[in-house]
């Protein structure tokens, strides 16, 4: 069996572009802050180690700009 190059999903580039647009729209329209009375340490690397490293659940507050 001959294979030519890397196999890709036909819609992968479209999905990546849509995800990029969605995230940038959220960042432009919302201010993301820690919950009131709490601090958010983004440098904390604790999490669940398995097949991948999954960060611990955390809470954020989203306020319209």
PDB file of N, CA and C in Angstrom:
ATOM      1  N   UNK A   1       0.838  -1.175   0.000  1.00  0.00           N
ATOM      2  CA  UNK A   1       0.000   0.000   0.000  1.00  0.00           C
ATOM      3  C   UNK A   1       0.885   1.240   0.000  1.00  0.00           C
ATOM      4  N   UNK A   2       0.630   2.135  -0.907  1.00  0.00           N
ATOM      5  CA  UNK A   2       1.382   3.376  -0.988  1.00  0.00           C
ATOM      6  C   UNK A   2       0.636   4.488  -0.265  1.00  0.00           C
ATOM      7  N   UNK A   3       1.366   5.256   0.504  1.00  0.00           N
ATOM      8  CA  UNK A   3       0.780   6.432   1.135  1.00  0.00           C
ATOM      9  C   UNK A   3       1.582   7.645   0.707  1.00  0.00           C
ATOM     10  N   UNK A   4       0.900   8.707   0.485  1.00  0.00           N
ATOM     11  CA  UNK A   4       1.552   9.929   0.034  1.00  0.00           C
ATOM     12  C   UNK A   4       1.358  11.030   1.066  1.00  0.00           C
ATOM     13  N   UNK A   5       2.391  11.319   1.809  1.00  0.00           N
ATOM     14  CA  UNK A   5       2.359  12.425   2.753  1.00  0.00           C
ATOM     15  C   UNK A   5       1.443  12.204   3.946  1.00  0.00           C
ATOM     16  N   UNK A   6       1.299  13.270   4.681  1.00  0.00           N
ATOM     17  CA  UNK A   6       0.495  13.251   5.886  1.00  0.00           C
ATOM     18  C   UNK A   6      -0.985  13.331   5.520  1.00  0.00           C
ATOM     19  N   UNK A   7      -1.798  12.574   6.214  1.00  0.00           N
ATOM     20  CA  UNK A   7      -3.232  12.606   5.978  1.00  0.00           C
ATOM     21  C   UNK A   7      -3.875  13.633   6.892  1.00  0.00           C
ATOM     22  N   UNK A   8      -4.698  14.472   6.349  1.00  0.00           N
ATOM     23  CA  UNK A   8      -5.366  15.522   7.123  1.00  0.00           C
ATOM     24  C   UNK A   8      -6.862  15.476   6.913  1.00  0.00           C
ATOM     25  N   UNK A   9      -7.560  15.975   7.896  1.00  0.00           N
ATOM     26  CA  UNK A   9      -8.996  16.151   7.771  1.00  0.00           C
ATOM     27  C   UNK A   9      -9.231  17.319   6.812  1.00  0.00           C
ATOM     28  N   UNK A  10     -10.180  17.190   5.935  1.00  0.00           N
ATOM     29  CA  UNK A  10     -10.454  18.231   4.955  1.00  0.00           C
ATOM     30  C   UNK A  10     -10.875  19.531   5.640  1.00  0.00           C
ATOM     31  N   UNK A  11     -11.627  19.445   6.725  1.00  0.00           N
ATOM     32  CA  UNK A  11     -12.125  20.637   7.400  1.00  0.00           C
ATOM     33  C   UNK A  11     -11.261  21.135   8.544  1.00  0.00           C
ATOM     34  N   UNK A  12     -10.066  20.568   8.723  1.00  0.00           N
ATOM     35  CA  UNK A  12      -9.233  20.953   9.864  1.00  0.00           C
ATOM     36  C   UNK A  12      -8.863  22.431   9.838  1.00  0.00           C
ATOM     37  N   UNK A  13      -8.454  22.949   8.705  1.00  0.00           N
ATOM     38  CA  UNK A  13      -8.053  24.356   8.648  1.00  0.00           C
ATOM     39  C   UNK A  13      -9.252  25.270   8.900  1.00  0.00           C
ATOM     40  N   UNK A  14     -10.430  24.922   8.395  1.00  0.00           N
ATOM     41  CA  UNK A  14     -11.628  25.704   8.662  1.00  0.00           C
ATOM     42  C   UNK A  14     -11.970  25.680  10.151  1.00  0.00           C
ATOM     43  N   UNK A  15     -11.872  24.521  10.783  1.00  0.00           N
ATOM     44  CA  UNK A  15     -12.161  24.403  12.213  1.00  0.00           C
ATOM     45  C   UNK A  15     -11.178  25.230  13.034  1.00  0.00           C
ATOM     46  N   UNK A  16      -9.909  25.232  12.664  1.00  0.00           N
ATOM     47  CA  UNK A  16      -8.910  26.040  13.381  1.00  0.00           C
ATOM     48  C   UNK A  16      -9.199  27.528  13.250  1.00  0.00           C
ATOM     49  N   UNK A  17      -9.559  27.962  12.048  1.00  0.00           N
ATOM     50  CA  UNK A  17      -9.882  29.374  11.844  1.00  0.00           C
ATOM     51  C   UNK A  17     -11.115  29.777  12.644  1.00  0.00           C
ATOM     52  N   UNK A  18     -12.144  28.935  12.663  1.00  0.00           N
ATOM     53  CA  UNK A  18     -13.360  29.233  13.415  1.00  0.00           C
ATOM     54  C   UNK A  18     -13.079  29.294  14.918  1.00  0.00           C
ATOM     55  N   UNK A  19     -12.261  28.378  15.413  1.00  0.00           N
ATOM     56  CA  UNK A  19     -11.903  28.385  16.830  1.00  0.00           C
ATOM     57  C   UNK A  19     -11.130  29.655  17.180  1.00  0.00           C
ATOM     58  N   UNK A  20     -10.218  30.064  16.324  1.00  0.00           N
ATOM     59  CA  UNK A  20      -9.449  31.288  16.529  1.00  0.00           C
ATOM     60  C   UNK A  20     -10.395  32.494  16.591  1.00  0.00           C
ATOM     61  N   UNK A  21     -11.326  32.587  15.654  1.00  0.00           N
ATOM     62  CA  UNK A  21     -12.267  33.704  15.636  1.00  0.00           C
ATOM     63  C   UNK A  21     -13.156  33.718  16.873  1.00  0.00           C
ATOM     64  N   UNK A  22     -13.598  32.545  17.311  1.00  0.00           N
ATOM     65  CA  UNK A  22     -14.451  32.440  18.493  1.00  0.00           C
ATOM     66  C   UNK A  22     -13.707  32.909  19.744  1.00  0.00           C
ATOM     67  N   UNK A  23     -12.484  32.445  19.931  1.00  0.00           N
ATOM     68  CA  UNK A  23     -11.712  32.809  21.127  1.00  0.00           C
ATOM     69  C   UNK A  23     -11.356  34.289  21.115  1.00  0.00           C
ATOM     70  N   UNK A  24     -10.948  34.826  19.958  1.00  0.00           N
ATOM     71  CA  UNK A  24     -10.617  36.253  19.906  1.00  0.00           C
ATOM     72  C   UNK A  24     -11.848  37.117  20.163  1.00  0.00           C
ATOM     73  N   UNK A  25     -13.021  36.688  19.705  1.00  0.00           N
ATOM     74  CA  UNK A  25     -14.247  37.440  19.973  1.00  0.00           C
ATOM     75  C   UNK A  25     -14.554  37.439  21.470  1.00  0.00           C
ATOM     76  N   UNK A  26     -14.347  36.303  22.142  1.00  0.00           N
ATOM     77  CA  UNK A  26     -14.561  36.252  23.593  1.00  0.00           C
ATOM     78  C   UNK A  26     -13.607  37.180  24.328  1.00  0.00           C
ATOM     79  N   UNK A  27     -12.354  37.160  23.937  1.00  0.00           N
ATOM     80  CA  UNK A  27     -11.349  37.984  24.610  1.00  0.00           C
ATOM     81  C   UNK A  27     -11.631  39.466  24.378  1.00  0.00           C
ATOM     82  N   UNK A  28     -12.114  39.819  23.190  1.00  0.00           N
ATOM     83  CA  UNK A  28     -12.423  41.218  22.902  1.00  0.00           C
ATOM     84  C   UNK A  28     -13.641  41.708  23.666  1.00  0.00           C
ATOM     85  N   UNK A  29     -14.630  40.858  23.887  1.00  0.00           N
ATOM     86  CA  UNK A  29     -15.897  41.279  24.475  1.00  0.00           C
ATOM     87  C   UNK A  29     -15.982  41.072  25.992  1.00  0.00           C
ATOM     88  N   UNK A  30     -15.117  40.236  26.543  1.00  0.00           N
ATOM     89  CA  UNK A  30     -15.199  39.920  27.961  1.00  0.00           C
ATOM     90  C   UNK A  30     -13.910  40.268  28.685  1.00  0.00           C
ATOM     91  N   UNK A  31     -14.060  40.613  29.940  1.00  0.00           N
ATOM     92  CA  UNK A  31     -12.911  40.790  30.824  1.00  0.00           C
ATOM     93  C   UNK A  31     -12.904  39.572  31.737  1.00  0.00           C
ATOM     94  N   UNK A  32     -11.862  38.774  31.697  1.00  0.00           N
ATOM     95  CA  UNK A  32     -11.773  37.541  32.473  1.00  0.00           C
ATOM     96  C   UNK A  32     -10.988  37.804  33.755  1.00  0.00           C
ATOM     97  N   UNK A  33     -11.660  37.599  34.889  1.00  0.00           N
ATOM     98  CA  UNK A  33     -11.070  37.883  36.193  1.00  0.00           C
ATOM     99  C   UNK A  33     -11.282  36.701  37.120  1.00  0.00           C
ATOM    100  N   UNK A  34     -10.490  36.634  38.210  1.00  0.00           N
ATOM    101  CA  UNK A  34     -10.749  35.593  39.215  1.00  0.00           C
ATOM    102  C   UNK A  34     -12.038  35.918  39.969  1.00  0.00           C
ATOM    103  N   UNK A  35     -12.647  34.930  40.610  1.00  0.00           N
ATOM    104  CA  UNK A  35     -13.847  35.196  41.419  1.00  0.00           C
ATOM    105  C   UNK A  35     -13.550  36.214  42.509  1.00  0.00           C
ATOM    106  N   UNK A  36     -14.566  36.937  42.922  1.00  0.00           N
ATOM    107  CA  UNK A  36     -14.367  37.963  43.955  1.00  0.00           C
ATOM    108  C   UNK A  36     -13.828  37.334  45.235  1.00  0.00           C
ATOM    109  N   UNK A  37     -12.818  37.957  45.799  1.00  0.00           N
ATOM    110  CA  UNK A  37     -12.227  37.482  47.045  1.00  0.00           C
ATOM    111  C   UNK A  37     -11.197  36.382  46.861  1.00  0.00           C
ATOM    112  N   UNK A  38     -10.930  35.975  45.631  1.00  0.00           N
ATOM    113  CA  UNK A  38      -9.941  34.928  45.374  1.00  0.00           C
ATOM    114  C   UNK A  38      -8.875  35.444  44.424  1.00  0.00           C
ATOM    115  N   UNK A  39      -7.717  34.817  44.479  1.00  0.00           N
ATOM    116  CA  UNK A  39      -6.672  35.144  43.518  1.00  0.00           C
ATOM    117  C   UNK A  39      -6.492  33.953  42.582  1.00  0.00           C
ATOM    118  N   UNK A  40      -6.063  34.230  41.391  1.00  0.00           N
ATOM    119  CA  UNK A  40      -5.866  33.188  40.398  1.00  0.00           C
ATOM    120  C   UNK A  40      -4.383  33.093  40.090  1.00  0.00           C
ATOM    121  N   UNK A  41      -3.781  31.948  40.376  1.00  0.00           N
ATOM    122  CA  UNK A  41      -2.367  31.741  40.117  1.00  0.00           C
ATOM    123  C   UNK A  41      -2.231  30.949  38.823  1.00  0.00           C
ATOM    124  N   UNK A  42      -1.922  31.646  37.726  1.00  0.00           N
ATOM    125  CA  UNK A  42      -1.848  30.965  36.430  1.00  0.00           C
ATOM    126  C   UNK A  42      -0.544  30.192  36.263  1.00  0.00           C
ATOM    127  N   UNK A  43       0.397  30.396  37.174  1.00  0.00           N
ATOM    128  CA  UNK A  43       1.669  29.683  37.082  1.00  0.00           C
ATOM    129  C   UNK A  43       1.622  28.333  37.783  1.00  0.00           C
ATOM    130  N   UNK A  44       0.524  28.041  38.449  1.00  0.00           N
ATOM    131  CA  UNK A  44       0.393  26.776  39.162  1.00  0.00           C
ATOM    132  C   UNK A  44       0.272  25.638  38.149  1.00  0.00           C
ATOM    133  N   UNK A  45       1.100  24.607  38.302  1.00  0.00           N
ATOM    134  CA  UNK A  45       1.099  23.525  37.325  1.00  0.00           C
ATOM    135  C   UNK A  45       0.524  22.229  37.888  1.00  0.00           C
ATOM    136  N   UNK A  46      -0.074  22.315  39.080  1.00  0.00           N
ATOM    137  CA  UNK A  46      -0.696  21.118  39.637  1.00  0.00           C
ATOM    138  C   UNK A  46      -1.838  20.676  38.745  1.00  0.00           C
ATOM    139  N   UNK A  47      -2.014  19.387  38.659  1.00  0.00           N
ATOM    140  CA  UNK A  47      -3.098  18.868  37.847  1.00  0.00           C
ATOM    141  C   UNK A  47      -3.152  17.358  37.945  1.00  0.00           C
ATOM    142  N   UNK A  48      -3.895  16.775  37.052  1.00  0.00           N
ATOM    143  CA  UNK A  48      -4.060  15.331  37.004  1.00  0.00           C
ATOM    144  C   UNK A  48      -3.196  14.807  35.866  1.00  0.00           C
ATOM    145  N   UNK A  49      -2.262  13.940  36.198  1.00  0.00           N
ATOM    146  CA  UNK A  49      -1.376  13.385  35.189  1.00  0.00           C
ATOM    147  C   UNK A  49      -1.901  12.026  34.750  1.00  0.00           C
ATOM    148  N   UNK A  50      -2.114  11.890  33.484  1.00  0.00           N
ATOM    149  CA  UNK A  50      -2.588  10.640  32.899  1.00  0.00           C
ATOM    150  C   UNK A  50      -1.939  10.503  31.533  1.00  0.00           C
ATOM    151  N   UNK A  51      -2.724  10.191  30.531  1.00  0.00           N
ATOM    152  CA  UNK A  51      -2.204  10.166  29.169  1.00  0.00           C
ATOM    153  C   UNK A  51      -1.753  11.571  28.771  1.00  0.00           C
ATOM    154  N   UNK A  52      -2.483  12.573  29.273  1.00  0.00           N
ATOM    155  CA  UNK A  52      -2.095  13.976  29.099  1.00  0.00           C
ATOM    156  C   UNK A  52      -2.103  14.635  30.469  1.00  0.00           C
ATOM    157  N   UNK A  53      -1.631  15.870  30.560  1.00  0.00           N
ATOM    158  CA  UNK A  53      -1.674  16.622  31.812  1.00  0.00           C
ATOM    159  C   UNK A  53      -2.925  17.477  31.794  1.00  0.00           C
ATOM    160  N   UNK A  54      -3.839  17.205  32.706  1.00  0.00           N
ATOM    161  CA  UNK A  54      -5.100  17.932  32.787  1.00  0.00           C
ATOM    162  C   UNK A  54      -5.032  18.880  33.976  1.00  0.00           C
ATOM    163  N   UNK A  55      -5.204  20.186  33.755  1.00  0.00           N
ATOM    164  CA  UNK A  55      -5.139  21.122  34.886  1.00  0.00           C
ATOM    165  C   UNK A  55      -6.315  20.924  35.823  1.00  0.00           C
ATOM    166  N   UNK A  56      -6.120  21.311  37.079  1.00  0.00           N
ATOM    167  CA  UNK A  56      -7.203  21.239  38.053  1.00  0.00           C
ATOM    168  C   UNK A  56      -8.299  22.213  37.640  1.00  0.00           C
ATOM    169  N   UNK A  57      -9.555  21.902  37.978  1.00  0.00           N
ATOM    170  CA  UNK A  57     -10.641  22.839  37.662  1.00  0.00           C
ATOM    171  C   UNK A  57     -10.422  24.183  38.367  1.00  0.00           C
ATOM    172  N   UNK A  58     -10.829  25.255  37.728  1.00  0.00           N
ATOM    173  CA  UNK A  58     -10.718  26.569  38.318  1.00  0.00           C
ATOM    174  C   UNK A  58     -11.922  27.395  37.909  1.00  0.00           C
ATOM    175  N   UNK A  59     -12.146  28.485  38.615  1.00  0.00           N
ATOM    176  CA  UNK A  59     -13.277  29.361  38.353  1.00  0.00           C
ATOM    177  C   UNK A  59     -12.773  30.711  37.857  1.00  0.00           C
ATOM    178  N   UNK A  60     -13.527  31.294  36.939  1.00  0.00           N
ATOM    179  CA  UNK A  60     -13.239  32.647  36.490  1.00  0.00           C
ATOM    180  C   UNK A  60     -14.546  33.436  36.464  1.00  0.00           C
ATOM    181  N   UNK A  61     -14.401  34.730  36.410  1.00  0.00           N
ATOM    182  CA  UNK A  61     -15.553  35.635  36.335  1.00  0.00           C
ATOM    183  C   UNK A  61     -15.429  36.367  35.006  1.00  0.00           C
ATOM    184  N   UNK A  62     -16.481  36.354  34.205  1.00  0.00           N
ATOM    185  CA  UNK A  62     -16.481  37.016  32.900  1.00  0.00           C
ATOM    186  C   UNK A  62     -17.421  38.217  32.958  1.00  0.00           C
ATOM    187  N   UNK A  63     -16.870  39.399  32.685  1.00  0.00           N
ATOM    188  CA  UNK A  63     -17.630  40.645  32.729  1.00  0.00           C
ATOM    189  C   UNK A  63     -17.601  41.266  31.338  1.00  0.00           C
ATOM    190  N   UNK A  64     -18.765  41.710  30.859  1.00  0.00           N
ATOM    191  CA  UNK A  64     -18.797  42.405  29.569  1.00  0.00           C
ATOM    192  C   UNK A  64     -17.997  43.690  29.644  1.00  0.00           C
ATOM    193  N   UNK A  65     -17.258  43.970  28.597  1.00  0.00           N
ATOM    194  CA  UNK A  65     -16.478  45.228  28.554  1.00  0.00           C
ATOM    195  C   UNK A  65     -17.361  46.374  28.157  1.00  0.00           C
TER     196      UNK A  65
END
